[in-house]
PDB file of N, CA and C in Angstrom:
ATOM      1  N   UNK A   1     107.767  89.525 124.417  1.00  0.00           N
ATOM      2  CA  UNK A   1     107.913  90.678 123.548  1.00  0.00           C
ATOM      3  C   UNK A   1     106.795  91.677 123.858  1.00  0.00           C
ATOM      4  N   UNK A   2     107.141  92.953 123.822  1.00  0.00           N
ATOM      5  CA  UNK A   2     106.155  94.003 124.062  1.00  0.00           C
ATOM      6  C   UNK A   2     105.318  94.214 122.807  1.00  0.00           C
ATOM      7  N   UNK A   3     104.092  94.683 123.014  1.00  0.00           N
ATOM      8  CA  UNK A   3     103.200  94.963 121.885  1.00  0.00           C
ATOM      9  C   UNK A   3     103.794  96.032 120.981  1.00  0.00           C
ATOM     10  N   UNK A   4     103.546  95.897 119.686  1.00  0.00           N
ATOM     11  CA  UNK A   4     103.961  96.894 118.702  1.00  0.00           C
ATOM     12  C   UNK A   4     102.697  97.505 118.123  1.00  0.00           C
ATOM     13  N   UNK A   5     102.628  98.836 118.169  1.00  0.00           N
ATOM     14  CA  UNK A   5     101.455  99.549 117.659  1.00  0.00           C
ATOM     15  C   UNK A   5     101.850 100.412 116.475  1.00  0.00           C
ATOM     16  N   UNK A   6     100.922 100.557 115.527  1.00  0.00           N
ATOM     17  CA  UNK A   6     101.088 101.505 114.427  1.00  0.00           C
ATOM     18  C   UNK A   6     100.319 102.752 114.821  1.00  0.00           C
ATOM     19  N   UNK A   7     100.993 103.895 114.754  1.00  0.00           N
ATOM     20  CA  UNK A   7     100.361 105.163 115.110  1.00  0.00           C
ATOM     21  C   UNK A   7     100.584 106.168 113.986  1.00  0.00           C
ATOM     22  N   UNK A   8      99.767 107.197 113.979  1.00  0.00           N
ATOM     23  CA  UNK A   8      99.913 108.261 112.985  1.00  0.00           C
ATOM     24  C   UNK A   8     100.093 109.575 113.727  1.00  0.00           C
ATOM     25  N   UNK A   9     101.188 110.254 113.427  1.00  0.00           N
ATOM     26  CA  UNK A   9     101.497 111.530 114.056  1.00  0.00           C
ATOM     27  C   UNK A   9     101.511 112.647 113.034  1.00  0.00           C
ATOM     28  N   UNK A  10     101.966 113.796 113.460  1.00  0.00           N
ATOM     29  CA  UNK A  10     102.022 114.971 112.579  1.00  0.00           C
ATOM     30  C   UNK A  10     102.851 114.724 111.326  1.00  0.00           C
ATOM     31  N   UNK A  11     103.876 113.898 111.452  1.00  0.00           N
ATOM     32  CA  UNK A  11     104.801 113.701 110.343  1.00  0.00           C
ATOM     33  C   UNK A  11     104.654 112.346 109.672  1.00  0.00           C
ATOM     34  N   UNK A  12     103.533 111.677 109.904  1.00  0.00           N
ATOM     35  CA  UNK A  12     103.289 110.408 109.230  1.00  0.00           C
ATOM     36  C   UNK A  12     103.174 109.232 110.180  1.00  0.00           C
ATOM     37  N   UNK A  13     103.127 108.055 109.587  1.00  0.00           N
ATOM     38  CA  UNK A  13     102.939 106.822 110.358  1.00  0.00           C
ATOM     39  C   UNK A  13     104.253 106.385 111.000  1.00  0.00           C
ATOM     40  N   UNK A  14     104.127 105.794 112.190  1.00  0.00           N
ATOM     41  CA  UNK A  14     105.297 105.287 112.895  1.00  0.00           C
ATOM     42  C   UNK A  14     104.907 104.097 113.757  1.00  0.00           C
ATOM     43  N   UNK A  15     105.916 103.377 114.231  1.00  0.00           N
ATOM     44  CA  UNK A  15     105.715 102.234 115.114  1.00  0.00           C
ATOM     45  C   UNK A  15     106.078 102.637 116.533  1.00  0.00           C
ATOM     46  N   UNK A  16     105.341 102.091 117.494  1.00  0.00           N
ATOM     47  CA  UNK A  16     105.692 102.271 118.897  1.00  0.00           C
ATOM     48  C   UNK A  16     105.662 100.908 119.564  1.00  0.00           C
ATOM     49  N   UNK A  17     106.735 100.610 120.287  1.00  0.00           N
ATOM     50  CA  UNK A  17     106.799  99.353 121.033  1.00  0.00           C
ATOM     51  C   UNK A  17     106.960  99.689 122.506  1.00  0.00           C
ATOM     52  N   UNK A  18     106.050  99.184 123.330  1.00  0.00           N
ATOM     53  CA  UNK A  18     106.112  99.419 124.766  1.00  0.00           C
ATOM     54  C   UNK A  18     105.437 100.720 125.163  1.00  0.00           C
ATOM     55  N   UNK A  19     105.471 100.977 126.473  1.00  0.00           N
ATOM     56  CA  UNK A  19     104.847 102.174 127.039  1.00  0.00           C
ATOM     57  C   UNK A  19     105.822 102.833 128.009  1.00  0.00           C
ATOM     58  N   UNK A  20     105.546 104.063 128.368  1.00  0.00           N
ATOM     59  CA  UNK A  20     106.354 104.758 129.369  1.00  0.00           C
ATOM     60  C   UNK A  20     107.761 105.054 128.892  1.00  0.00           C
ATOM     61  N   UNK A  21     108.702 105.056 129.843  1.00  0.00           N
ATOM     62  CA  UNK A  21     110.093 105.398 129.535  1.00  0.00           C
ATOM     63  C   UNK A  21     110.809 104.341 128.703  1.00  0.00           C
ATOM     64  N   UNK A  22     110.290 103.118 128.679  1.00  0.00           N
ATOM     65  CA  UNK A  22     110.938 102.025 127.953  1.00  0.00           C
ATOM     66  C   UNK A  22     110.478 101.897 126.505  1.00  0.00           C
ATOM     67  N   UNK A  23     109.648 102.817 126.019  1.00  0.00           N
ATOM     68  CA  UNK A  23     109.100 102.659 124.671  1.00  0.00           C
ATOM     69  C   UNK A  23     110.140 102.997 123.607  1.00  0.00           C
ATOM     70  N   UNK A  24     109.968 102.360 122.446  1.00  0.00           N
ATOM     71  CA  UNK A  24     110.829 102.580 121.289  1.00  0.00           C
ATOM     72  C   UNK A  24     109.960 103.059 120.135  1.00  0.00           C
ATOM     73  N   UNK A  25     110.562 103.854 119.252  1.00  0.00           N
ATOM     74  CA  UNK A  25     109.846 104.372 118.095  1.00  0.00           C
ATOM     75  C   UNK A  25     110.635 104.075 116.829  1.00  0.00           C
ATOM     76  N   UNK A  26     109.929 103.964 115.712  1.00  0.00           N
ATOM     77  CA  UNK A  26     110.557 103.830 114.397  1.00  0.00           C
ATOM     78  C   UNK A  26     109.599 104.395 113.357  1.00  0.00           C
ATOM     79  N   UNK A  27     110.137 105.189 112.447  1.00  0.00           N
ATOM     80  CA  UNK A  27     109.320 105.705 111.352  1.00  0.00           C
ATOM     81  C   UNK A  27     109.009 104.589 110.370  1.00  0.00           C
ATOM     82  N   UNK A  28     107.819 104.631 109.803  1.00  0.00           N
ATOM     83  CA  UNK A  28     107.460 103.714 108.724  1.00  0.00           C
ATOM     84  C   UNK A  28     107.772 104.446 107.424  1.00  0.00           C
ATOM     85  N   UNK A  29     108.633 103.885 106.575  1.00  0.00           N
ATOM     86  CA  UNK A  29     108.982 104.570 105.332  1.00  0.00           C
ATOM     87  C   UNK A  29     107.735 104.916 104.509  1.00  0.00           C
ATOM     88  N   UNK A  30     107.712 106.132 103.959  1.00  0.00           N
ATOM     89  CA  UNK A  30     106.549 106.602 103.194  1.00  0.00           C
ATOM     90  C   UNK A  30     106.250 105.710 101.995  1.00  0.00           C
ATOM     91  N   UNK A  31     107.293 105.151 101.383  1.00  0.00           N
ATOM     92  CA  UNK A  31     107.092 104.341 100.186  1.00  0.00           C
ATOM     93  C   UNK A  31     106.649 102.914 100.502  1.00  0.00           C
ATOM     94  N   UNK A  32     106.573 102.551 101.779  1.00  0.00           N
ATOM     95  CA  UNK A  32     106.174 101.189 102.157  1.00  0.00           C
ATOM     96  C   UNK A  32     104.662 101.039 102.066  1.00  0.00           C
ATOM     97  N   UNK A  33     104.221 100.050 101.284  1.00  0.00           N
ATOM     98  CA  UNK A  33     102.788  99.764 101.156  1.00  0.00           C
ATOM     99  C   UNK A  33     102.296  99.092 102.440  1.00  0.00           C
ATOM    100  N   UNK A  34     101.036  99.323 102.820  1.00  0.00           N
ATOM    101  CA  UNK A  34     100.510  98.737 104.059  1.00  0.00           C
ATOM    102  C   UNK A  34     100.661  97.218 104.138  1.00  0.00           C
ATOM    103  N   UNK A  35     100.517  96.523 103.010  1.00  0.00           N
ATOM    104  CA  UNK A  35     100.624  95.061 103.059  1.00  0.00           C
ATOM    105  C   UNK A  35     102.070  94.570 103.198  1.00  0.00           C
ATOM    106  N   UNK A  36     103.046  95.476 103.061  1.00  0.00           N
ATOM    107  CA  UNK A  36     104.450  95.115 103.241  1.00  0.00           C
ATOM    108  C   UNK A  36     104.876  95.176 104.707  1.00  0.00           C
ATOM    109  N   UNK A  37     104.086  95.840 105.540  1.00  0.00           N
ATOM    110  CA  UNK A  37     104.447  96.014 106.947  1.00  0.00           C
ATOM    111  C   UNK A  37     103.967  94.811 107.754  1.00  0.00           C
ATOM    112  N   UNK A  38     104.794  93.792 107.779  1.00  0.00           N
ATOM    113  CA  UNK A  38     104.494  92.578 108.537  1.00  0.00           C
ATOM    114  C   UNK A  38     105.173  92.676 109.902  1.00  0.00           C
ATOM    115  N   UNK A  39     104.875  91.741 110.787  1.00  0.00           N
ATOM    116  CA  UNK A  39     105.505  91.739 112.107  1.00  0.00           C
ATOM    117  C   UNK A  39     107.029  91.634 112.006  1.00  0.00           C
ATOM    118  N   UNK A  40     107.579  90.740 111.174  1.00  0.00           N
ATOM    119  CA  UNK A  40     109.049  90.695 111.058  1.00  0.00           C
ATOM    120  C   UNK A  40     109.649  92.015 110.554  1.00  0.00           C
ATOM    121  N   UNK A  41     108.972  92.692 109.635  1.00  0.00           N
ATOM    122  CA  UNK A  41     109.464  93.978 109.133  1.00  0.00           C
ATOM    123  C   UNK A  41     109.408  95.024 110.245  1.00  0.00           C
ATOM    124  N   UNK A  42     108.329  95.035 111.023  1.00  0.00           N
ATOM    125  CA  UNK A  42     108.200  95.984 112.136  1.00  0.00           C
ATOM    126  C   UNK A  42     109.308  95.763 113.159  1.00  0.00           C
ATOM    127  N   UNK A  43     109.598  94.516 113.475  1.00  0.00           N
ATOM    128  CA  UNK A  43     110.666  94.202 114.432  1.00  0.00           C
ATOM    129  C   UNK A  43     112.012  94.672 113.891  1.00  0.00           C
ATOM    130  N   UNK A  44     112.225  94.491 112.589  1.00  0.00           N
ATOM    131  CA  UNK A  44     113.473  94.940 111.961  1.00  0.00           C
ATOM    132  C   UNK A  44     113.601  96.461 112.008  1.00  0.00           C
ATOM    133  N   UNK A  45     112.520  97.184 111.724  1.00  0.00           N
ATOM    134  CA  UNK A  45     112.555  98.647 111.774  1.00  0.00           C
ATOM    135  C   UNK A  45     112.860  99.143 113.185  1.00  0.00           C
ATOM    136  N   UNK A  46     112.259  98.513 114.187  1.00  0.00           N
ATOM    137  CA  UNK A  46     112.484  98.921 115.575  1.00  0.00           C
ATOM    138  C   UNK A  46     113.891  98.567 116.053  1.00  0.00           C
ATOM    139  N   UNK A  47     114.503  97.551 115.456  1.00  0.00           N
ATOM    140  CA  UNK A  47     115.837  97.115 115.874  1.00  0.00           C
ATOM    141  C   UNK A  47     116.947  97.990 115.305  1.00  0.00           C
ATOM    142  N   UNK A  48     116.655  98.732 114.245  1.00  0.00           N
ATOM    143  CA  UNK A  48     117.679  99.581 113.638  1.00  0.00           C
ATOM    144  C   UNK A  48     118.101 100.658 114.628  1.00  0.00           C
ATOM    145  N   UNK A  49     119.380 101.044 114.592  1.00  0.00           N
ATOM    146  CA  UNK A  49     119.825 102.110 115.489  1.00  0.00           C
ATOM    147  C   UNK A  49     119.050 103.390 115.224  1.00  0.00           C
ATOM    148  N   UNK A  50     118.832 104.144 116.270  1.00  0.00           N
ATOM    149  CA  UNK A  50     118.042 105.367 116.150  1.00  0.00           C
ATOM    150  C   UNK A  50     118.781 106.458 115.396  1.00  0.00           C
ATOM    151  N   UNK A  51     120.073 106.267 115.186  1.00  0.00           N
ATOM    152  CA  UNK A  51     120.842 107.293 114.509  1.00  0.00           C
ATOM    153  C   UNK A  51     121.305 108.376 115.460  1.00  0.00           C
ATOM    154  N   UNK A  52     121.085 108.169 116.743  1.00  0.00           N
ATOM    155  CA  UNK A  52     121.482 109.157 117.738  1.00  0.00           C
ATOM    156  C   UNK A  52     122.970 108.997 118.038  1.00  0.00           C
ATOM    157  N   UNK A  53     123.682 110.122 118.024  1.00  0.00           N
ATOM    158  CA  UNK A  53     125.116 110.085 118.293  1.00  0.00           C
ATOM    159  C   UNK A  53     125.488 111.269 119.170  1.00  0.00           C
ATOM    160  N   UNK A  54     126.193 111.009 120.255  1.00  0.00           N
ATOM    161  CA  UNK A  54     126.615 112.070 121.169  1.00  0.00           C
ATOM    162  C   UNK A  54     127.751 112.852 120.534  1.00  0.00           C
ATOM    163  N   UNK A  55     127.614 114.197 120.561  1.00  0.00           N
ATOM    164  CA  UNK A  55     128.632 115.055 119.968  1.00  0.00           C
ATOM    165  C   UNK A  55     129.501 115.732 121.013  1.00  0.00           C
ATOM    166  N   UNK A  56     128.962 115.927 122.209  1.00  0.00           N
ATOM    167  CA  UNK A  56     129.715 116.613 123.256  1.00  0.00           C
ATOM    168  C   UNK A  56     128.790 117.424 124.139  1.00  0.00           C
ATOM    169  N   UNK A  57     129.363 118.436 124.799  1.00  0.00           N
ATOM    170  CA  UNK A  57     128.611 119.286 125.722  1.00  0.00           C
ATOM    171  C   UNK A  57     128.719 120.732 125.254  1.00  0.00           C
ATOM    172  N   UNK A  58     127.593 121.438 125.258  1.00  0.00           N
ATOM    173  CA  UNK A  58     127.567 122.856 124.907  1.00  0.00           C
ATOM    174  C   UNK A  58     128.257 123.625 126.035  1.00  0.00           C
ATOM    175  N   UNK A  59     129.362 124.343 125.746  1.00  0.00           N
ATOM    176  CA  UNK A  59     130.092 125.031 126.811  1.00  0.00           C
ATOM    177  C   UNK A  59     129.287 126.156 127.476  1.00  0.00           C
ATOM    178  N   UNK A  60     128.320 126.716 126.769  1.00  0.00           N
ATOM    179  CA  UNK A  60     127.527 127.811 127.339  1.00  0.00           C
ATOM    180  C   UNK A  60     126.420 127.318 128.259  1.00  0.00           C
ATOM    181  N   UNK A  61     125.754 126.219 127.876  1.00  0.00           N
ATOM    182  CA  UNK A  61     124.614 125.738 128.664  1.00  0.00           C
ATOM    183  C   UNK A  61     124.960 124.536 129.536  1.00  0.00           C
ATOM    184  N   UNK A  62     126.028 123.825 129.192  1.00  0.00           N
ATOM    185  CA  UNK A  62     126.385 122.615 129.925  1.00  0.00           C
ATOM    186  C   UNK A  62     125.526 121.417 129.549  1.00  0.00           C
ATOM    187  N   UNK A  63     124.663 121.583 128.538  1.00  0.00           N
ATOM    188  CA  UNK A  63     123.780 120.498 128.109  1.00  0.00           C
ATOM    189  C   UNK A  63     124.468 119.636 127.054  1.00  0.00           C
ATOM    190  N   UNK A  64     124.122 118.346 127.066  1.00  0.00           N
ATOM    191  CA  UNK A  64     124.671 117.414 126.087  1.00  0.00           C
ATOM    192  C   UNK A  64     124.097 117.723 124.702  1.00  0.00           C
ATOM    193  N   UNK A  65     124.934 117.674 123.685  1.00  0.00           N
ATOM    194  CA  UNK A  65     124.531 117.918 122.303  1.00  0.00           C
ATOM    195  C   UNK A  65     124.600 116.589 121.554  1.00  0.00           C
ATOM    196  N   UNK A  66     123.511 116.266 120.842  1.00  0.00           N
ATOM    197  CA  UNK A  66     123.467 115.013 120.094  1.00  0.00           C
ATOM    198  C   UNK A  66     123.009 115.262 118.663  1.00  0.00           C
ATOM    199  N   UNK A  67     123.423 114.369 117.776  1.00  0.00           N
ATOM    200  CA  UNK A  67     122.955 114.377 116.389  1.00  0.00           C
ATOM    201  C   UNK A  67     121.935 113.257 116.262  1.00  0.00           C
ATOM    202  N   UNK A  68     120.827 113.551 115.600  1.00  0.00           N
ATOM    203  CA  UNK A  68     119.774 112.562 115.398  1.00  0.00           C
ATOM    204  C   UNK A  68     119.412 112.512 113.922  1.00  0.00           C
ATOM    205  N   UNK A  69     118.730 111.446 113.553  1.00  0.00           N
ATOM    206  CA  UNK A  69     118.233 111.299 112.194  1.00  0.00           C
ATOM    207  C   UNK A  69     116.717 111.233 112.262  1.00  0.00           C
ATOM    208  N   UNK A  70     116.053 112.179 111.627  1.00  0.00           N
ATOM    209  CA  UNK A  70     114.592 112.228 111.649  1.00  0.00           C
ATOM    210  C   UNK A  70     114.002 112.036 110.267  1.00  0.00           C
ATOM    211  N   UNK A  71     112.710 112.185 110.184  1.00  0.00           N
ATOM    212  CA  UNK A  71     111.990 111.990 108.928  1.00  0.00           C
ATOM    213  C   UNK A  71     112.503 112.918 107.827  1.00  0.00           C
ATOM    214  N   UNK A  72     112.949 114.121 108.199  1.00  0.00           N
ATOM    215  CA  UNK A  72     113.393 115.094 107.199  1.00  0.00           C
ATOM    216  C   UNK A  72     114.913 115.208 107.127  1.00  0.00           C
ATOM    217  N   UNK A  73     115.620 114.225 107.675  1.00  0.00           N
ATOM    218  CA  UNK A  73     117.070 114.226 107.612  1.00  0.00           C
ATOM    219  C   UNK A  73     117.716 114.417 108.973  1.00  0.00           C
ATOM    220  N   UNK A  74     119.021 114.624 108.948  1.00  0.00           N
ATOM    221  CA  UNK A  74     119.786 114.753 110.187  1.00  0.00           C
ATOM    222  C   UNK A  74     119.586 116.131 110.812  1.00  0.00           C
ATOM    223  N   UNK A  75     119.678 116.170 112.144  1.00  0.00           N
ATOM    224  CA  UNK A  75     119.601 117.439 112.865  1.00  0.00           C
ATOM    225  C   UNK A  75     120.354 117.316 114.182  1.00  0.00           C
ATOM    226  N   UNK A  76     120.662 118.461 114.776  1.00  0.00           N
ATOM    227  CA  UNK A  76     121.394 118.509 116.040  1.00  0.00           C
ATOM    228  C   UNK A  76     120.495 119.136 117.089  1.00  0.00           C
ATOM    229  N   UNK A  77     120.529 118.579 118.299  1.00  0.00           N
ATOM    230  CA  UNK A  77     119.697 119.095 119.383  1.00  0.00           C
ATOM    231  C   UNK A  77     120.426 118.944 120.709  1.00  0.00           C
ATOM    232  N   UNK A  78     119.980 119.691 121.705  1.00  0.00           N
ATOM    233  CA  UNK A  78     120.499 119.550 123.060  1.00  0.00           C
ATOM    234  C   UNK A  78     119.563 118.645 123.849  1.00  0.00           C
ATOM    235  N   UNK A  79     120.119 117.935 124.805  1.00  0.00           N
ATOM    236  CA  UNK A  79     119.320 117.067 125.669  1.00  0.00           C
ATOM    237  C   UNK A  79     118.955 117.877 126.907  1.00  0.00           C
ATOM    238  N   UNK A  80     117.677 118.219 127.020  1.00  0.00           N
ATOM    239  CA  UNK A  80     117.207 118.996 128.158  1.00  0.00           C
ATOM    240  C   UNK A  80     116.829 118.069 129.294  1.00  0.00           C
ATOM    241  N   UNK A  81     117.093 118.501 130.509  1.00  0.00           N
ATOM    242  CA  UNK A  81     116.758 117.695 131.679  1.00  0.00           C
ATOM    243  C   UNK A  81     115.265 117.740 131.921  1.00  0.00           C
ATOM    244  N   UNK A  82     114.729 116.595 132.402  1.00  0.00           N
ATOM    245  CA  UNK A  82     113.302 116.536 132.725  1.00  0.00           C
ATOM    246  C   UNK A  82     113.040 117.354 133.973  1.00  0.00           C
ATOM    247  N   UNK A  83     111.899 118.001 133.993  1.00  0.00           N
ATOM    248  CA  UNK A  83     111.547 118.828 135.160  1.00  0.00           C
ATOM    249  C   UNK A  83     110.941 118.008 136.238  1.00  0.00           C
TER     250      UNK A  83
END
């Protein structure tokens, strides 16, 4: 199993498992007390689906459009190619 780290970003605490392109992320619920975040709970949070769903392709840009679920609710974004 890859290491699981607790990190704090602009929008609050989150979990990160792994490094590089293979890393996974999961938000830590704001209402969760620090003593409730055990290793089994962290594994469960990371195992939940990311909420990402492919919607199609933008006819103007040709980029893939996806729906995601973030800390502040659902949003839609385009998948930009890496440079």
